[in-house]
Amino acid sequence: MRFDRKVGLVTGAASGIGRAVAIRFAQLGGRVAVADVNQAGAASVAATIKAAGGTAIAITVDLAKPAEIVSMVNQTIDAFRRIDVLHNNAFGVPASLRRGRLARVTEIDQEVWDYTLQLGLTAVMQTTRRVLPLMQKQGGGSIVNTASISGLFGDYGIAAYNAMKAGVVNFTRVVAMEHAGDNIRCNCICPGAVDTPLLQHSLTAIPGFADATLAAIPMGRLGTPEEMANVVLFLASDLASYVTGASFVADGGLTAKTGIPTRFRN
C-alpha cells in the first residue's frame, strides 16, 4: 500500500485519528495537508512528518466557518496542485459547550445541537463539495469520512452526535453513488471506543463509564488511533479499488453482540 506522488488533505489532523492518518499517509509516500483549528498542534504534526523526511504543510482552519473551508482547500491546491485523498475527520466540542453535550432529548441545548451538526456534518458536505470538482478534473480520487458506530446505533444522552454521525454515513453513500462514474470513491469508517481526547473526556469525567465501556468490548480494550488509520488508508488506497459507499466498522467487536448476557458461567 503506497501513496507515492499522491496528495492528502486530512482535517482534525492535530490529534487522534487524524494525526495518525496524516503521519502514516506521509510514511507511505504521500504529501499531506495537516488541517486543524489547533494551530500549534497542526504545525507540530507537520514538523514531525518533515523531520522524518516527508512532505507536509500545516493549515489552521475552523470548519464551523465556511469561508475557512474554502481557504483550506485553496491552500492545499496552491501547495500541491491536486488532492487525491480527502479524509473528513474533524470533530471536537469547545470547552464552552461541553457541559451541555450530555443531555436527554428534552434537554438538548440548541447551541450544542447546531454546532455539532455544523462541524460534524455540514462541514463534511462543504469540504467534499469543494474537493469533488478537482477530483473530477484529475480523473478520480478517494474520500474517507470518519463516522462512528454511533451513526449506526443509538447512545444515551448524545442525540446530536448520533444524528450527525448517521448523517455522515448516509452522505457517504450518496457521494459514492453520484460520483462512481467519475472514478471517485467515497467510504466511511465507523470506529467504536478509540483512545482519543474526545473519548478520554467522558472516560475520566463520568464515574464508572471507563470500566463499563471496557467491559462491553469483547476485545477488552480501546482501539488506538493508529489502528483506525490503517482502516482509513486501506479505504483510501488502490487496494480498495472496488469499495465505495461502504461503512467499515472497527470497534473491537462491540457491535457484534445482541446485548443479551452470556449463557455460560465462568
C-alpha atoms as a PDB file:
ATOM      1  CA  MET A   1       0.000   0.000   0.000  1.00  0.00           C
ATOM      2  CA  ARG A   2       1.667   3.197  -1.224  1.00  0.00           C
ATOM      3  CA  PHE A   3       0.642   6.802  -1.862  1.00  0.00           C
ATOM      4  CA  ASP A   4       3.648   7.942  -3.866  1.00  0.00           C
ATOM      5  CA  ARG A   5       3.052  11.293  -5.650  1.00  0.00           C
ATOM      6  CA  LYS A   6      -0.443  11.494  -4.134  1.00  0.00           C
ATOM      7  CA  VAL A   7      -1.754  14.372  -2.047  1.00  0.00           C
ATOM      8  CA  GLY A   8      -3.954  14.013   1.016  1.00  0.00           C
ATOM      9  CA  LEU A   9      -5.979  16.579   2.921  1.00  0.00           C
ATOM     10  CA  VAL A  10      -6.732  15.486   6.483  1.00  0.00           C
ATOM     11  CA  THR A  11      -8.996  17.527   8.763  1.00  0.00           C
ATOM     12  CA  GLY A  12      -8.776  17.289  12.530  1.00  0.00           C
ATOM     13  CA  ALA A  13      -5.183  16.191  12.000  1.00  0.00           C
ATOM     14  CA  ALA A  14      -3.593  17.699  15.117  1.00  0.00           C
ATOM     15  CA  SER A  15      -4.540  14.759  17.332  1.00  0.00           C
ATOM     16  CA  GLY A  16      -6.228  11.370  17.495  1.00  0.00           C
ATOM     17  CA  ILE A  17      -7.227   9.541  14.337  1.00  0.00           C
ATOM     18  CA  GLY A  18      -6.468  12.469  12.035  1.00  0.00           C
ATOM     19  CA  ARG A  19      -2.916  12.779  13.356  1.00  0.00           C
ATOM     20  CA  ALA A  20      -2.311   9.064  12.883  1.00  0.00           C
ATOM     21  CA  VAL A  21      -3.698   9.170   9.333  1.00  0.00           C
ATOM     22  CA  ALA A  22      -1.588  12.174   8.321  1.00  0.00           C
ATOM     23  CA  ILE A  23       1.643  10.692   9.668  1.00  0.00           C
ATOM     24  CA  ARG A  24       1.063   7.248   8.167  1.00  0.00           C
ATOM     25  CA  PHE A  25      -0.017   8.700   4.805  1.00  0.00           C
ATOM     26  CA  ALA A  26       3.272  10.573   4.632  1.00  0.00           C
ATOM     27  CA  GLN A  27       5.229   7.490   5.690  1.00  0.00           C
ATOM     28  CA  LEU A  28       3.668   5.674   2.735  1.00  0.00           C
ATOM     29  CA  GLY A  29       4.930   8.276   0.290  1.00  0.00           C
ATOM     30  CA  GLY A  30       2.122  10.810   0.194  1.00  0.00           C
ATOM     31  CA  ARG A  31       2.226  14.575   0.592  1.00  0.00           C
ATOM     32  CA  VAL A  32      -0.225  15.809   3.183  1.00  0.00           C
ATOM     33  CA  ALA A  33      -2.049  18.951   4.249  1.00  0.00           C
ATOM     34  CA  VAL A  34      -2.470  18.809   8.033  1.00  0.00           C
ATOM     35  CA  ALA A  35      -5.587  20.846   8.833  1.00  0.00           C
ATOM     36  CA  ASP A  36      -6.878  21.669  12.298  1.00  0.00           C
ATOM     37  CA  VAL A  37      -8.292  24.505  14.373  1.00  0.00           C
ATOM     38  CA  ASN A  38      -5.360  23.920  16.739  1.00  0.00           C
ATOM     39  CA  GLN A  39      -2.608  25.887  15.005  1.00  0.00           C
ATOM     40  CA  ALA A  40       0.209  24.666  17.236  1.00  0.00           C
ATOM     41  CA  GLY A  41      -0.982  21.062  17.007  1.00  0.00           C
ATOM     42  CA  ALA A  42      -1.189  21.108  13.213  1.00  0.00           C
ATOM     43  CA  ALA A  43       2.250  22.677  12.991  1.00  0.00           C
ATOM     44  CA  SER A  44       3.658  20.028  15.324  1.00  0.00           C
ATOM     45  CA  VAL A  45       2.283  17.166  13.214  1.00  0.00           C
ATOM     46  CA  ALA A  46       3.598  18.744  10.006  1.00  0.00           C
ATOM     47  CA  ALA A  47       7.002  19.196  11.660  1.00  0.00           C
ATOM     48  CA  THR A  48       7.020  15.547  12.747  1.00  0.00           C
ATOM     49  CA  ILE A  49       6.320  14.465   9.176  1.00  0.00           C
ATOM     50  CA  LYS A  50       9.017  16.692   7.718  1.00  0.00           C
ATOM     51  CA  ALA A  51      11.563  15.608  10.328  1.00  0.00           C
ATOM     52  CA  ALA A  52      11.053  12.031   9.131  1.00  0.00           C
ATOM     53  CA  GLY A  53      11.691  13.056   5.521  1.00  0.00           C
ATOM     54  CA  GLY A  54       8.077  13.502   4.455  1.00  0.00           C
ATOM     55  CA  THR A  55       6.256  16.420   2.856  1.00  0.00           C
ATOM     56  CA  ALA A  56       3.550  18.307   4.732  1.00  0.00           C
ATOM     57  CA  ILE A  57       2.001  21.699   5.266  1.00  0.00           C
ATOM     58  CA  ALA A  58       0.006  22.883   8.270  1.00  0.00           C
ATOM     59  CA  ILE A  59      -3.294  24.707   7.775  1.00  0.00           C
ATOM     60  CA  THR A  60      -5.211  26.424  10.555  1.00  0.00           C
ATOM     61  CA  VAL A  61      -8.939  26.139   9.903  1.00  0.00           C
ATOM     62  CA  ASP A  62     -12.190  26.500  11.814  1.00  0.00           C
ATOM     63  CA  LEU A  63     -14.524  24.179   9.923  1.00  0.00           C
ATOM     64  CA  ALA A  64     -17.533  25.821  11.534  1.00  0.00           C
ATOM     65  CA  LYS A  65     -16.797  28.788   9.217  1.00  0.00           C
ATOM     66  CA  PRO A  66     -17.490  28.079   5.511  1.00  0.00           C
ATOM     67  CA  ALA A  67     -15.047  30.750   4.302  1.00  0.00           C
ATOM     68  CA  GLU A  68     -12.224  28.985   6.106  1.00  0.00           C
ATOM     69  CA  ILE A  69     -13.119  25.704   4.394  1.00  0.00           C
ATOM     70  CA  VAL A  70     -12.668  27.412   1.034  1.00  0.00           C
ATOM     71  CA  SER A  71      -9.321  28.796   2.190  1.00  0.00           C
ATOM     72  CA  MET A  72      -8.190  25.357   3.433  1.00  0.00           C
ATOM     73  CA  VAL A  73      -8.872  23.700   0.091  1.00  0.00           C
ATOM     74  CA  ASN A  74      -7.261  26.564  -1.814  1.00  0.00           C
ATOM     75  CA  GLN A  75      -4.131  26.431   0.356  1.00  0.00           C
ATOM     76  CA  THR A  76      -3.819  22.707  -0.325  1.00  0.00           C
ATOM     77  CA  ILE A  77      -4.182  23.224  -4.063  1.00  0.00           C
ATOM     78  CA  ASP A  78      -1.718  26.127  -4.049  1.00  0.00           C
ATOM     79  CA  ALA A  79       0.863  23.946  -2.306  1.00  0.00           C
ATOM     80  CA  PHE A  80       0.387  20.669  -4.158  1.00  0.00           C
ATOM     81  CA  ARG A  81      -1.765  21.394  -7.245  1.00  0.00           C
ATOM     82  CA  ARG A  82      -4.087  18.446  -6.575  1.00  0.00           C
ATOM     83  CA  ILE A  83      -5.970  16.471  -3.908  1.00  0.00           C
ATOM     84  CA  ASP A  84      -6.098  12.701  -4.335  1.00  0.00           C
ATOM     85  CA  VAL A  85      -7.339  11.733  -0.869  1.00  0.00           C
ATOM     86  CA  LEU A  86      -9.696  13.673   1.373  1.00  0.00           C
ATOM     87  CA  HIS A  87     -10.145  12.482   4.935  1.00  0.00           C
ATOM     88  CA  ASN A  88     -13.043  14.331   6.581  1.00  0.00           C
ATOM     89  CA  ASN A  89     -12.242  13.593  10.186  1.00  0.00           C
ATOM     90  CA  ALA A  90     -12.538  16.737  12.304  1.00  0.00           C
ATOM     91  CA  PHE A  91     -14.837  16.908  15.283  1.00  0.00           C
ATOM     92  CA  GLY A  92     -14.466  18.421  18.713  1.00  0.00           C
ATOM     93  CA  VAL A  93     -16.517  20.220  21.308  1.00  0.00           C
ATOM     94  CA  PRO A  94     -15.382  23.650  22.564  1.00  0.00           C
ATOM     95  CA  ALA A  95     -14.918  23.909  26.297  1.00  0.00           C
ATOM     96  CA  SER A  96     -17.796  26.377  26.434  1.00  0.00           C
ATOM     97  CA  LEU A  97     -20.240  23.740  25.146  1.00  0.00           C
ATOM     98  CA  ARG A  98     -19.024  20.611  26.934  1.00  0.00           C
ATOM     99  CA  ARG A  99     -21.373  20.954  29.882  1.00  0.00           C
ATOM    100  CA  GLY A 100     -24.368  20.870  27.518  1.00  0.00           C
ATOM    101  CA  ARG A 101     -23.168  17.996  25.340  1.00  0.00           C
ATOM    102  CA  LEU A 102     -24.603  15.201  27.509  1.00  0.00           C
ATOM    103  CA  ALA A 103     -28.375  15.640  27.700  1.00  0.00           C
ATOM    104  CA  ARG A 104     -31.643  13.866  27.116  1.00  0.00           C
ATOM    105  CA  VAL A 105     -33.577  14.875  24.001  1.00  0.00           C
ATOM    106  CA  THR A 106     -35.964  17.030  26.027  1.00  0.00           C
ATOM    107  CA  GLU A 107     -32.993  18.947  27.442  1.00  0.00           C
ATOM    108  CA  ILE A 108     -30.807  19.393  24.357  1.00  0.00           C
ATOM    109  CA  ASP A 109     -29.039  22.733  24.227  1.00  0.00           C
ATOM    110  CA  GLN A 110     -29.814  24.266  20.835  1.00  0.00           C
ATOM    111  CA  GLU A 111     -26.339  25.748  20.551  1.00  0.00           C
ATOM    112  CA  VAL A 112     -24.770  22.324  21.114  1.00  0.00           C
ATOM    113  CA  TRP A 113     -27.086  20.761  18.503  1.00  0.00           C
ATOM    114  CA  ASP A 114     -26.348  23.454  15.918  1.00  0.00           C
ATOM    115  CA  TYR A 115     -22.589  23.372  16.471  1.00  0.00           C
ATOM    116  CA  THR A 116     -22.434  19.573  16.361  1.00  0.00           C
ATOM    117  CA  LEU A 117     -24.255  19.354  13.044  1.00  0.00           C
ATOM    118  CA  GLN A 118     -22.348  22.272  11.527  1.00  0.00           C
ATOM    119  CA  LEU A 119     -18.909  20.954  12.388  1.00  0.00           C
ATOM    120  CA  GLY A 120     -19.561  17.234  12.068  1.00  0.00           C
ATOM    121  CA  LEU A 121     -21.906  17.066   9.074  1.00  0.00           C
ATOM    122  CA  THR A 122     -22.363  20.352   7.233  1.00  0.00           C
ATOM    123  CA  ALA A 123     -18.605  20.967   7.133  1.00  0.00           C
ATOM    124  CA  VAL A 124     -18.122  17.471   5.696  1.00  0.00           C
ATOM    125  CA  MET A 125     -20.527  18.353   2.905  1.00  0.00           C
ATOM    126  CA  GLN A 126     -18.937  21.766   2.332  1.00  0.00           C
ATOM    127  CA  THR A 127     -15.410  20.371   2.194  1.00  0.00           C
ATOM    128  CA  THR A 128     -16.428  17.494  -0.055  1.00  0.00           C
ATOM    129  CA  ARG A 129     -18.296  19.848  -2.356  1.00  0.00           C
ATOM    130  CA  ARG A 130     -15.156  21.973  -2.778  1.00  0.00           C
ATOM    131  CA  VAL A 131     -12.904  18.994  -3.491  1.00  0.00           C
ATOM    132  CA  LEU A 132     -15.126  16.986  -5.860  1.00  0.00           C
ATOM    133  CA  PRO A 133     -14.681  19.234  -8.941  1.00  0.00           C
ATOM    134  CA  LEU A 134     -10.900  18.981  -8.591  1.00  0.00           C
ATOM    135  CA  MET A 135     -11.071  15.196  -8.319  1.00  0.00           C
ATOM    136  CA  GLN A 136     -13.337  15.086 -11.363  1.00  0.00           C
ATOM    137  CA  LYS A 137     -10.833  17.161 -13.330  1.00  0.00           C
ATOM    138  CA  GLN A 138      -7.962  14.929 -12.183  1.00  0.00           C
ATOM    139  CA  GLY A 139      -9.796  11.782 -13.240  1.00  0.00           C
ATOM    140  CA  GLY A 140     -10.521  10.377  -9.800  1.00  0.00           C
ATOM    141  CA  GLY A 141      -9.865  10.389  -6.098  1.00  0.00           C
ATOM    142  CA  SER A 142     -10.826   8.852  -2.788  1.00  0.00           C
ATOM    143  CA  ILE A 143     -12.814  10.331   0.097  1.00  0.00           C
ATOM    144  CA  VAL A 144     -12.912   8.708   3.528  1.00  0.00           C
ATOM    145  CA  ASN A 145     -15.182  10.161   6.203  1.00  0.00           C
ATOM    146  CA  THR A 146     -14.910   9.476   9.909  1.00  0.00           C
ATOM    147  CA  ALA A 147     -18.365   8.356  11.008  1.00  0.00           C
ATOM    148  CA  SER A 148     -18.920   6.178  14.088  1.00  0.00           C
ATOM    149  CA  ILE A 149     -20.807   3.181  15.399  1.00  0.00           C
ATOM    150  CA  SER A 150     -22.857   5.990  16.982  1.00  0.00           C
ATOM    151  CA  GLY A 151     -24.075   6.712  13.457  1.00  0.00           C
ATOM    152  CA  LEU A 152     -25.313   3.136  13.109  1.00  0.00           C
ATOM    153  CA  PHE A 153     -26.855   2.668  16.557  1.00  0.00           C
ATOM    154  CA  GLY A 154     -28.158   4.879  19.355  1.00  0.00           C
ATOM    155  CA  ASP A 155     -26.471   6.050  22.547  1.00  0.00           C
ATOM    156  CA  TYR A 156     -27.943   7.557  25.689  1.00  0.00           C
ATOM    157  CA  GLY A 157     -27.533  11.297  26.058  1.00  0.00           C
ATOM    158  CA  ILE A 158     -25.713  12.284  22.863  1.00  0.00           C
ATOM    159  CA  ALA A 159     -28.537  12.639  20.338  1.00  0.00           C
ATOM    160  CA  ALA A 160     -26.805  15.428  18.408  1.00  0.00           C
ATOM    161  CA  TYR A 161     -23.688  13.313  17.938  1.00  0.00           C
ATOM    162  CA  ASN A 162     -25.787  10.293  16.927  1.00  0.00           C
ATOM    163  CA  ALA A 163     -27.759  12.301  14.373  1.00  0.00           C
ATOM    164  CA  MET A 164     -24.612  13.915  12.985  1.00  0.00           C
ATOM    165  CA  LYS A 165     -22.723  10.654  12.530  1.00  0.00           C
ATOM    166  CA  ALA A 166     -25.765   8.955  10.979  1.00  0.00           C
ATOM    167  CA  GLY A 167     -25.851  11.835   8.521  1.00  0.00           C
ATOM    168  CA  VAL A 168     -22.195  11.247   7.659  1.00  0.00           C
ATOM    169  CA  VAL A 169     -22.921   7.574   6.938  1.00  0.00           C
ATOM    170  CA  ASN A 170     -25.726   8.322   4.502  1.00  0.00           C
ATOM    171  CA  PHE A 171     -23.971  11.325   2.954  1.00  0.00           C
ATOM    172  CA  THR A 172     -21.086   8.956   2.219  1.00  0.00           C
ATOM    173  CA  ARG A 173     -23.433   6.657   0.316  1.00  0.00           C
ATOM    174  CA  VAL A 174     -24.879   9.483  -1.759  1.00  0.00           C
ATOM    175  CA  VAL A 175     -21.455  10.806  -2.780  1.00  0.00           C
ATOM    176  CA  ALA A 176     -20.393   7.267  -3.674  1.00  0.00           C
ATOM    177  CA  MET A 177     -23.447   6.742  -5.897  1.00  0.00           C
ATOM    178  CA  GLU A 178     -23.281  10.102  -7.619  1.00  0.00           C
ATOM    179  CA  HIS A 179     -19.555  10.005  -8.380  1.00  0.00           C
ATOM    180  CA  ALA A 180     -18.763   6.359  -9.063  1.00  0.00           C
ATOM    181  CA  GLY A 181     -18.718   7.221 -12.771  1.00  0.00           C
ATOM    182  CA  ASP A 182     -16.057   9.863 -12.087  1.00  0.00           C
ATOM    183  CA  ASN A 183     -13.690   7.276 -10.614  1.00  0.00           C
ATOM    184  CA  ILE A 184     -14.215   8.868  -7.211  1.00  0.00           C
ATOM    185  CA  ARG A 185     -14.781   6.508  -4.310  1.00  0.00           C
ATOM    186  CA  CYS A 186     -16.329   7.574  -1.008  1.00  0.00           C
ATOM    187  CA  ASN A 187     -16.380   5.418   2.110  1.00  0.00           C
ATOM    188  CA  CYS A 188     -16.543   5.937   5.843  1.00  0.00           C
ATOM    189  CA  ILE A 189     -15.013   4.318   8.880  1.00  0.00           C
ATOM    190  CA  CYS A 190     -17.204   3.670  11.920  1.00  0.00           C
ATOM    191  CA  PRO A 191     -14.908   3.476  14.929  1.00  0.00           C
ATOM    192  CA  GLY A 192     -16.021   2.220  18.282  1.00  0.00           C
ATOM    193  CA  ALA A 193     -14.295   3.278  21.505  1.00  0.00           C
ATOM    194  CA  VAL A 194     -10.933   4.721  20.463  1.00  0.00           C
ATOM    195  CA  ASP A 195      -8.340   6.274  22.736  1.00  0.00           C
ATOM    196  CA  THR A 196      -8.730   9.876  21.569  1.00  0.00           C
ATOM    197  CA  PRO A 197      -9.041  13.164  23.500  1.00  0.00           C
ATOM    198  CA  LEU A 198     -12.793  13.284  22.800  1.00  0.00           C
ATOM    199  CA  LEU A 199     -13.466   9.903  24.426  1.00  0.00           C
ATOM    200  CA  GLN A 200     -10.960  10.428  27.217  1.00  0.00           C
ATOM    201  CA  HIS A 201     -13.021  13.345  28.491  1.00  0.00           C
ATOM    202  CA  SER A 202     -16.019  11.033  29.045  1.00  0.00           C
ATOM    203  CA  LEU A 203     -13.893   8.211  30.432  1.00  0.00           C
ATOM    204  CA  THR A 204     -12.421  10.445  33.109  1.00  0.00           C
ATOM    205  CA  ALA A 205     -15.396  12.713  33.840  1.00  0.00           C
ATOM    206  CA  ILE A 206     -18.184  10.132  34.236  1.00  0.00           C
ATOM    207  CA  PRO A 207     -17.842   7.767  37.232  1.00  0.00           C
ATOM    208  CA  GLY A 208     -17.864   4.100  36.193  1.00  0.00           C
ATOM    209  CA  PHE A 209     -18.041   4.871  32.484  1.00  0.00           C
ATOM    210  CA  ALA A 210     -14.498   3.697  31.703  1.00  0.00           C
ATOM    211  CA  ASP A 211     -14.929   0.288  33.339  1.00  0.00           C
ATOM    212  CA  ALA A 212     -18.360  -0.247  31.781  1.00  0.00           C
ATOM    213  CA  THR A 213     -17.037   0.679  28.341  1.00  0.00           C
ATOM    214  CA  LEU A 214     -14.156  -1.787  28.508  1.00  0.00           C
ATOM    215  CA  ALA A 215     -16.465  -4.497  29.838  1.00  0.00           C
ATOM    216  CA  ALA A 216     -18.746  -4.073  26.818  1.00  0.00           C
ATOM    217  CA  ILE A 217     -15.941  -4.574  24.281  1.00  0.00           C
ATOM    218  CA  PRO A 218     -15.171  -8.245  23.538  1.00  0.00           C
ATOM    219  CA  MET A 219     -11.504  -7.411  22.900  1.00  0.00           C
ATOM    220  CA  GLY A 220     -11.405  -5.769  26.332  1.00  0.00           C
ATOM    221  CA  ARG A 221      -9.554  -2.617  25.330  1.00  0.00           C
ATOM    222  CA  LEU A 222      -9.858   0.673  23.499  1.00  0.00           C
ATOM    223  CA  GLY A 223      -8.810   0.941  19.888  1.00  0.00           C
ATOM    224  CA  THR A 224      -5.822   3.092  19.003  1.00  0.00           C
ATOM    225  CA  PRO A 225      -5.729   5.969  16.507  1.00  0.00           C
ATOM    226  CA  GLU A 226      -3.101   4.039  14.561  1.00  0.00           C
ATOM    227  CA  GLU A 227      -5.455   1.062  14.179  1.00  0.00           C
ATOM    228  CA  MET A 228      -8.141   3.359  12.804  1.00  0.00           C
ATOM    229  CA  ALA A 229      -5.600   4.961  10.462  1.00  0.00           C
ATOM    230  CA  ASN A 230      -4.850   1.556   8.979  1.00  0.00           C
ATOM    231  CA  VAL A 231      -8.508   1.158   8.023  1.00  0.00           C
ATOM    232  CA  VAL A 232      -8.789   4.706   6.684  1.00  0.00           C
ATOM    233  CA  LEU A 233      -5.715   4.304   4.500  1.00  0.00           C
ATOM    234  CA  PHE A 234      -6.849   0.929   3.207  1.00  0.00           C
ATOM    235  CA  LEU A 235     -10.114   2.536   2.089  1.00  0.00           C
ATOM    236  CA  ALA A 236      -8.196   5.427   0.526  1.00  0.00           C
ATOM    237  CA  SER A 237      -5.751   3.163  -1.303  1.00  0.00           C
ATOM    238  CA  ASP A 238      -5.901   1.288  -4.578  1.00  0.00           C
ATOM    239  CA  LEU A 239      -6.240  -1.929  -2.556  1.00  0.00           C
ATOM    240  CA  ALA A 240      -9.879  -0.884  -2.044  1.00  0.00           C
ATOM    241  CA  SER A 241     -10.455  -0.049  -5.716  1.00  0.00           C
ATOM    242  CA  TYR A 242     -13.843  -1.828  -5.810  1.00  0.00           C
ATOM    243  CA  VAL A 243     -15.039  -0.473  -2.454  1.00  0.00           C
ATOM    244  CA  THR A 244     -17.332   2.539  -2.418  1.00  0.00           C
ATOM    245  CA  GLY A 245     -20.327   3.593  -0.356  1.00  0.00           C
ATOM    246  CA  ALA A 246     -19.211   1.301   2.456  1.00  0.00           C
ATOM    247  CA  SER A 247     -19.318   1.851   6.211  1.00  0.00           C
ATOM    248  CA  PHE A 248     -16.430  -0.062   7.778  1.00  0.00           C
ATOM    249  CA  VAL A 249     -16.862  -0.893  11.468  1.00  0.00           C
ATOM    250  CA  ALA A 250     -13.708  -1.022  13.609  1.00  0.00           C
ATOM    251  CA  ASP A 251     -14.885  -1.463  17.193  1.00  0.00           C
ATOM    252  CA  GLY A 252     -13.189  -4.462  18.822  1.00  0.00           C
ATOM    253  CA  GLY A 253     -16.400  -6.484  18.447  1.00  0.00           C
ATOM    254  CA  LEU A 254     -18.586  -4.042  20.389  1.00  0.00           C
ATOM    255  CA  THR A 255     -21.472  -4.104  17.907  1.00  0.00           C
ATOM    256  CA  ALA A 256     -21.126  -7.809  17.105  1.00  0.00           C
ATOM    257  CA  LYS A 257     -23.233  -8.612  20.182  1.00  0.00           C
ATOM    258  CA  THR A 258     -27.004  -8.613  20.597  1.00  0.00           C
ATOM    259  CA  GLY A 259     -26.668  -7.309  24.137  1.00  0.00           C
ATOM    260  CA  ILE A 260     -28.165 -10.439  25.687  1.00  0.00           C
ATOM    261  CA  PRO A 261     -25.924 -11.677  28.542  1.00  0.00           C
ATOM    262  CA  THR A 262     -23.739 -14.763  28.107  1.00  0.00           C
ATOM    263  CA  ARG A 263     -25.342 -18.163  28.735  1.00  0.00           C
ATOM    264  CA  PHE A 264     -22.052 -19.564  30.015  1.00  0.00           C
ATOM    265  CA  ARG A 265     -20.915 -19.465  33.614  1.00  0.00           C
ATOM    266  CA  ASN A 266     -17.274 -18.921  34.424  1.00  0.00           C
END
